[in-house]
Each structure stands twice: as structure tokens, then as C-alpha cells.
């Protein structure tokens, strides 16, 4: 992979959006169960994934 073209950027963007949705759903699941540690981890994971996806979309 010498050249990072738009197809690879699109695939990475899609994977990060899916991960963001997963972390968001996990956040809501554990919000009902009052598990503070996993709530915080899920929130951080969702924010990182959406931030990376948006940065990749802006750059490529």
C-alpha cells in the first residue's frame, strides 16, 4: 500500500463510522445498567472514532 487513495480512505471512514455506532450503542446499553467504567470507555471510544472518521474525510 504505497498510495493511500480515495477507495482506501472511504473504507477506513466506513469502518470508523461503524465502530462509532457500536460504541454509542454500548454506551446506551451500559447507561441503563449504571456501569460507570464502561460508560466512560464507550463514550471515549465513540468520540475518538468519529473524530478520526471526520479527519480522514477532510484530508482525503
PDB file of N, CA and C in Angstrom:
ATOM      1  N   UNK A   1       0.847  -1.169   0.000  1.00  0.00           N
ATOM      2  CA  UNK A   1       0.000   0.000   0.000  1.00  0.00           C
ATOM      3  C   UNK A   1       0.898   1.240   0.000  1.00  0.00           C
ATOM      4  N   UNK A   2       1.322   1.612  -1.172  1.00  0.00           N
ATOM      5  CA  UNK A   2       2.207   2.764  -1.280  1.00  0.00           C
ATOM      6  C   UNK A   2       1.449   4.067  -1.445  1.00  0.00           C
ATOM      7  N   UNK A   3       0.263   4.010  -2.029  1.00  0.00           N
ATOM      8  CA  UNK A   3      -0.505   5.226  -2.269  1.00  0.00           C
ATOM      9  C   UNK A   3      -1.871   5.093  -1.595  1.00  0.00           C
ATOM     10  N   UNK A   4      -2.160   5.980  -0.685  1.00  0.00           N
ATOM     11  CA  UNK A   4      -3.424   5.948   0.064  1.00  0.00           C
ATOM     12  C   UNK A   4      -4.484   6.658  -0.766  1.00  0.00           C
ATOM     13  N   UNK A   5      -5.213   5.891  -1.584  1.00  0.00           N
ATOM     14  CA  UNK A   5      -6.169   6.523  -2.484  1.00  0.00           C
ATOM     15  C   UNK A   5      -7.545   6.656  -1.835  1.00  0.00           C
ATOM     16  N   UNK A   6      -8.477   7.186  -2.580  1.00  0.00           N
ATOM     17  CA  UNK A   6      -9.795   7.508  -2.026  1.00  0.00           C
ATOM     18  C   UNK A   6     -10.595   6.257  -1.659  1.00  0.00           C
ATOM     19  N   UNK A   7     -10.364   5.143  -2.359  1.00  0.00           N
ATOM     20  CA  UNK A   7     -11.077   3.909  -2.023  1.00  0.00           C
ATOM     21  C   UNK A   7     -10.701   3.435  -0.625  1.00  0.00           C
ATOM     22  N   UNK A   8      -9.424   3.434  -0.323  1.00  0.00           N
ATOM     23  CA  UNK A   8      -8.968   3.010   0.995  1.00  0.00           C
ATOM     24  C   UNK A   8      -9.418   3.990   2.075  1.00  0.00           C
ATOM     25  N   UNK A   9      -9.421   5.266   1.758  1.00  0.00           N
ATOM     26  CA  UNK A   9      -9.899   6.263   2.718  1.00  0.00           C
ATOM     27  C   UNK A   9     -11.387   6.069   2.980  1.00  0.00           C
ATOM     28  N   UNK A  10     -12.147   5.754   1.939  1.00  0.00           N
ATOM     29  CA  UNK A  10     -13.578   5.505   2.100  1.00  0.00           C
ATOM     30  C   UNK A  10     -13.848   4.269   2.936  1.00  0.00           C
ATOM     31  N   UNK A  11     -13.055   3.227   2.734  1.00  0.00           N
ATOM     32  CA  UNK A  11     -13.222   2.006   3.522  1.00  0.00           C
ATOM     33  C   UNK A  11     -12.892   2.268   4.989  1.00  0.00           C
ATOM     34  N   UNK A  12     -11.843   3.004   5.242  1.00  0.00           N
ATOM     35  CA  UNK A  12     -11.458   3.335   6.614  1.00  0.00           C
ATOM     36  C   UNK A  12     -12.513   4.224   7.265  1.00  0.00           C
ATOM     37  N   UNK A  13     -13.039   5.192   6.516  1.00  0.00           N
ATOM     38  CA  UNK A  13     -14.098   6.068   7.003  1.00  0.00           C
ATOM     39  C   UNK A  13     -15.326   5.247   7.407  1.00  0.00           C
ATOM     40  N   UNK A  14     -15.723   4.304   6.556  1.00  0.00           N
ATOM     41  CA  UNK A  14     -16.887   3.468   6.837  1.00  0.00           C
ATOM     42  C   UNK A  14     -16.663   2.604   8.073  1.00  0.00           C
ATOM     43  N   UNK A  15     -15.481   2.026   8.188  1.00  0.00           N
ATOM     44  CA  UNK A  15     -15.178   1.193   9.356  1.00  0.00           C
ATOM     45  C   UNK A  15     -15.218   2.014  10.642  1.00  0.00           C
ATOM     46  N   UNK A  16     -14.708   3.237  10.603  1.00  0.00           N
ATOM     47  CA  UNK A  16     -14.715   4.081  11.796  1.00  0.00           C
ATOM     48  C   UNK A  16     -16.132   4.521  12.163  1.00  0.00           C
ATOM     49  N   UNK A  17     -16.984   4.769  11.175  1.00  0.00           N
ATOM     50  CA  UNK A  17     -18.372   5.123  11.463  1.00  0.00           C
ATOM     51  C   UNK A  17     -19.103   3.942  12.098  1.00  0.00           C
ATOM     52  N   UNK A  18     -18.850   2.729  11.597  1.00  0.00           N
ATOM     53  CA  UNK A  18     -19.462   1.536  12.188  1.00  0.00           C
ATOM     54  C   UNK A  18     -18.997   1.349  13.630  1.00  0.00           C
ATOM     55  N   UNK A  19     -17.713   1.537  13.877  1.00  0.00           N
ATOM     56  CA  UNK A  19     -17.197   1.442  15.248  1.00  0.00           C
ATOM     57  C   UNK A  19     -17.811   2.509  16.149  1.00  0.00           C
ATOM     58  N   UNK A  20     -18.002   3.687  15.619  1.00  0.00           N
ATOM     59  CA  UNK A  20     -18.628   4.760  16.395  1.00  0.00           C
ATOM     60  C   UNK A  20     -20.049   4.366  16.790  1.00  0.00           C
ATOM     61  N   UNK A  21     -20.794   3.796  15.848  1.00  0.00           N
ATOM     62  CA  UNK A  21     -22.159   3.335  16.157  1.00  0.00           C
ATOM     63  C   UNK A  21     -22.143   2.237  17.217  1.00  0.00           C
ATOM     64  N   UNK A  22     -21.180   1.315  17.108  1.00  0.00           N
ATOM     65  CA  UNK A  22     -21.060   0.246  18.100  1.00  0.00           C
ATOM     66  C   UNK A  22     -20.795   0.813  19.485  1.00  0.00           C
ATOM     67  N   UNK A  23     -19.841   1.737  19.598  1.00  0.00           N
ATOM     68  CA  UNK A  23     -19.524   2.321  20.903  1.00  0.00           C
ATOM     69  C   UNK A  23     -20.692   3.140  21.452  1.00  0.00           C
ATOM     70  N   UNK A  24     -21.440   3.788  20.563  1.00  0.00           N
ATOM     71  CA  UNK A  24     -22.600   4.565  21.006  1.00  0.00           C
ATOM     72  C   UNK A  24     -23.687   3.647  21.551  1.00  0.00           C
ATOM     73  N   UNK A  25     -23.954   2.548  20.860  1.00  0.00           N
ATOM     74  CA  UNK A  25     -24.964   1.596  21.344  1.00  0.00           C
ATOM     75  C   UNK A  25     -24.526   0.944  22.649  1.00  0.00           C
ATOM     76  N   UNK A  26     -23.236   0.646  22.769  1.00  0.00           N
ATOM     77  CA  UNK A  26     -22.704   0.100  24.015  1.00  0.00           C
ATOM     78  C   UNK A  26     -22.867   1.102  25.151  1.00  0.00           C
ATOM     79  N   UNK A  27     -22.636   2.380  24.846  1.00  0.00           N
ATOM     80  CA  UNK A  27     -22.813   3.439  25.839  1.00  0.00           C
ATOM     81  C   UNK A  27     -24.243   3.438  26.369  1.00  0.00           C
ATOM     82  N   UNK A  28     -25.222   3.389  25.475  1.00  0.00           N
ATOM     83  CA  UNK A  28     -26.619   3.409  25.911  1.00  0.00           C
ATOM     84  C   UNK A  28     -27.000   2.145  26.681  1.00  0.00           C
ATOM     85  N   UNK A  29     -26.435   1.002  26.273  1.00  0.00           N
ATOM     86  CA  UNK A  29     -26.719  -0.248  26.974  1.00  0.00           C
ATOM     87  C   UNK A  29     -26.237  -0.194  28.423  1.00  0.00           C
ATOM     88  N   UNK A  30     -25.009   0.265  28.620  1.00  0.00           N
ATOM     89  CA  UNK A  30     -24.455   0.299  29.966  1.00  0.00           C
ATOM     90  C   UNK A  30     -24.925   1.507  30.765  1.00  0.00           C
ATOM     91  N   UNK A  31     -25.489   2.495  30.085  1.00  0.00           N
ATOM     92  CA  UNK A  31     -26.092   3.617  30.792  1.00  0.00           C
ATOM     93  C   UNK A  31     -27.284   3.144  31.614  1.00  0.00           C
ATOM     94  N   UNK A  32     -28.035   2.208  31.050  1.00  0.00           N
ATOM     95  CA  UNK A  32     -29.183   1.635  31.770  1.00  0.00           C
ATOM     96  C   UNK A  32     -28.736   0.760  32.939  1.00  0.00           C
ATOM     97  N   UNK A  33     -27.553   0.143  32.802  1.00  0.00           N
ATOM     98  CA  UNK A  33     -27.056  -0.763  33.843  1.00  0.00           C
ATOM     99  C   UNK A  33     -26.234  -0.047  34.906  1.00  0.00           C
ATOM    100  N   UNK A  34     -25.986   1.246  34.739  1.00  0.00           N
ATOM    101  CA  UNK A  34     -25.210   2.058  35.680  1.00  0.00           C
ATOM    102  C   UNK A  34     -23.790   1.534  35.910  1.00  0.00           C
ATOM    103  N   UNK A  35     -23.119   1.141  34.844  1.00  0.00           N
ATOM    104  CA  UNK A  35     -21.727   0.714  34.943  1.00  0.00           C
ATOM    105  C   UNK A  35     -20.843   1.872  34.484  1.00  0.00           C
ATOM    106  N   UNK A  36     -20.385   2.669  35.434  1.00  0.00           N
ATOM    107  CA  UNK A  36     -19.689   3.919  35.137  1.00  0.00           C
ATOM    108  C   UNK A  36     -18.400   3.733  34.331  1.00  0.00           C
ATOM    109  N   UNK A  37     -17.641   2.682  34.634  1.00  0.00           N
ATOM    110  CA  UNK A  37     -16.361   2.465  33.954  1.00  0.00           C
ATOM    111  C   UNK A  37     -16.573   2.207  32.464  1.00  0.00           C
ATOM    112  N   UNK A  38     -17.495   1.336  32.131  1.00  0.00           N
ATOM    113  CA  UNK A  38     -17.737   1.007  30.728  1.00  0.00           C
ATOM    114  C   UNK A  38     -18.447   2.156  30.010  1.00  0.00           C
ATOM    115  N   UNK A  39     -19.269   2.910  30.722  1.00  0.00           N
ATOM    116  CA  UNK A  39     -19.899   4.096  30.130  1.00  0.00           C
ATOM    117  C   UNK A  39     -18.830   5.075  29.671  1.00  0.00           C
ATOM    118  N   UNK A  40     -17.841   5.322  30.531  1.00  0.00           N
ATOM    119  CA  UNK A  40     -16.775   6.273  30.193  1.00  0.00           C
ATOM    120  C   UNK A  40     -15.932   5.760  29.029  1.00  0.00           C
ATOM    121  N   UNK A  41     -15.594   4.465  29.037  1.00  0.00           N
ATOM    122  CA  UNK A  41     -14.802   3.888  27.954  1.00  0.00           C
ATOM    123  C   UNK A  41     -15.548   3.937  26.626  1.00  0.00           C
ATOM    124  N   UNK A  42     -16.836   3.647  26.639  1.00  0.00           N
ATOM    125  CA  UNK A  42     -17.631   3.666  25.412  1.00  0.00           C
ATOM    126  C   UNK A  42     -17.747   5.073  24.852  1.00  0.00           C
ATOM    127  N   UNK A  43     -17.921   6.040  25.729  1.00  0.00           N
ATOM    128  CA  UNK A  43     -18.026   7.429  25.288  1.00  0.00           C
ATOM    129  C   UNK A  43     -16.715   7.881  24.644  1.00  0.00           C
ATOM    130  N   UNK A  44     -15.596   7.553  25.262  1.00  0.00           N
ATOM    131  CA  UNK A  44     -14.293   7.927  24.716  1.00  0.00           C
ATOM    132  C   UNK A  44     -14.051   7.232  23.379  1.00  0.00           C
ATOM    133  N   UNK A  45     -14.408   5.953  23.289  1.00  0.00           N
ATOM    134  CA  UNK A  45     -14.248   5.216  22.034  1.00  0.00           C
ATOM    135  C   UNK A  45     -15.065   5.813  20.907  1.00  0.00           C
ATOM    136  N   UNK A  46     -16.307   6.187  21.191  1.00  0.00           N
ATOM    137  CA  UNK A  46     -17.167   6.780  20.167  1.00  0.00           C
ATOM    138  C   UNK A  46     -16.624   8.126  19.702  1.00  0.00           C
ATOM    139  N   UNK A  47     -16.160   8.945  20.624  1.00  0.00           N
ATOM    140  CA  UNK A  47     -15.638  10.266  20.267  1.00  0.00           C
ATOM    141  C   UNK A  47     -14.363  10.134  19.432  1.00  0.00           C
ATOM    142  N   UNK A  48     -13.489   9.225  19.807  1.00  0.00           N
ATOM    143  CA  UNK A  48     -12.246   9.031  19.049  1.00  0.00           C
ATOM    144  C   UNK A  48     -12.544   8.540  17.637  1.00  0.00           C
ATOM    145  N   UNK A  49     -13.460   7.583  17.502  1.00  0.00           N
ATOM    146  CA  UNK A  49     -13.781   7.043  16.179  1.00  0.00           C
ATOM    147  C   UNK A  49     -14.417   8.087  15.275  1.00  0.00           C
ATOM    148  N   UNK A  50     -15.348   8.859  15.795  1.00  0.00           N
ATOM    149  CA  UNK A  50     -15.985   9.873  14.949  1.00  0.00           C
ATOM    150  C   UNK A  50     -14.990  10.979  14.598  1.00  0.00           C
ATOM    151  N   UNK A  51     -14.109  11.318  15.521  1.00  0.00           N
ATOM    152  CA  UNK A  51     -13.102  12.343  15.231  1.00  0.00           C
ATOM    153  C   UNK A  51     -12.147  11.871  14.134  1.00  0.00           C
ATOM    154  N   UNK A  52     -11.675  10.639  14.228  1.00  0.00           N
ATOM    155  CA  UNK A  52     -10.785  10.102  13.194  1.00  0.00           C
ATOM    156  C   UNK A  52     -11.486  10.012  11.844  1.00  0.00           C
ATOM    157  N   UNK A  53     -12.761   9.590  11.858  1.00  0.00           N
ATOM    158  CA  UNK A  53     -13.506   9.481  10.602  1.00  0.00           C
ATOM    159  C   UNK A  53     -13.657  10.850   9.946  1.00  0.00           C
ATOM    160  N   UNK A  54     -13.947  11.871  10.738  1.00  0.00           N
ATOM    161  CA  UNK A  54     -14.111  13.203  10.172  1.00  0.00           C
ATOM    162  C   UNK A  54     -12.790  13.786   9.686  1.00  0.00           C
ATOM    163  N   UNK A  55     -11.712  13.505  10.399  1.00  0.00           N
ATOM    164  CA  UNK A  55     -10.396  13.973   9.951  1.00  0.00           C
ATOM    165  C   UNK A  55     -10.013  13.311   8.631  1.00  0.00           C
ATOM    166  N   UNK A  56     -10.261  12.013   8.505  1.00  0.00           N
ATOM    167  CA  UNK A  56      -9.955  11.308   7.254  1.00  0.00           C
ATOM    168  C   UNK A  56     -10.799  11.861   6.119  1.00  0.00           C
ATOM    169  N   UNK A  57     -12.081  12.152   6.403  1.00  0.00           N
ATOM    170  CA  UNK A  57     -12.954  12.710   5.358  1.00  0.00           C
ATOM    171  C   UNK A  57     -12.473  14.088   4.901  1.00  0.00           C
ATOM    172  N   UNK A  58     -11.945  14.869   5.810  1.00  0.00           N
ATOM    173  CA  UNK A  58     -11.461  16.214   5.456  1.00  0.00           C
ATOM    174  C   UNK A  58     -10.154  16.120   4.660  1.00  0.00           C
ATOM    175  N   UNK A  59      -9.265  15.249   5.072  1.00  0.00           N
ATOM    176  CA  UNK A  59      -7.958  15.156   4.424  1.00  0.00           C
ATOM    177  C   UNK A  59      -8.057  14.552   3.032  1.00  0.00           C
ATOM    178  N   UNK A  60      -8.846  13.490   2.888  1.00  0.00           N
ATOM    179  CA  UNK A  60      -8.931  12.808   1.600  1.00  0.00           C
ATOM    180  C   UNK A  60     -10.260  13.111   1.005  1.00  0.00           C
TER     181      UNK A  60
END
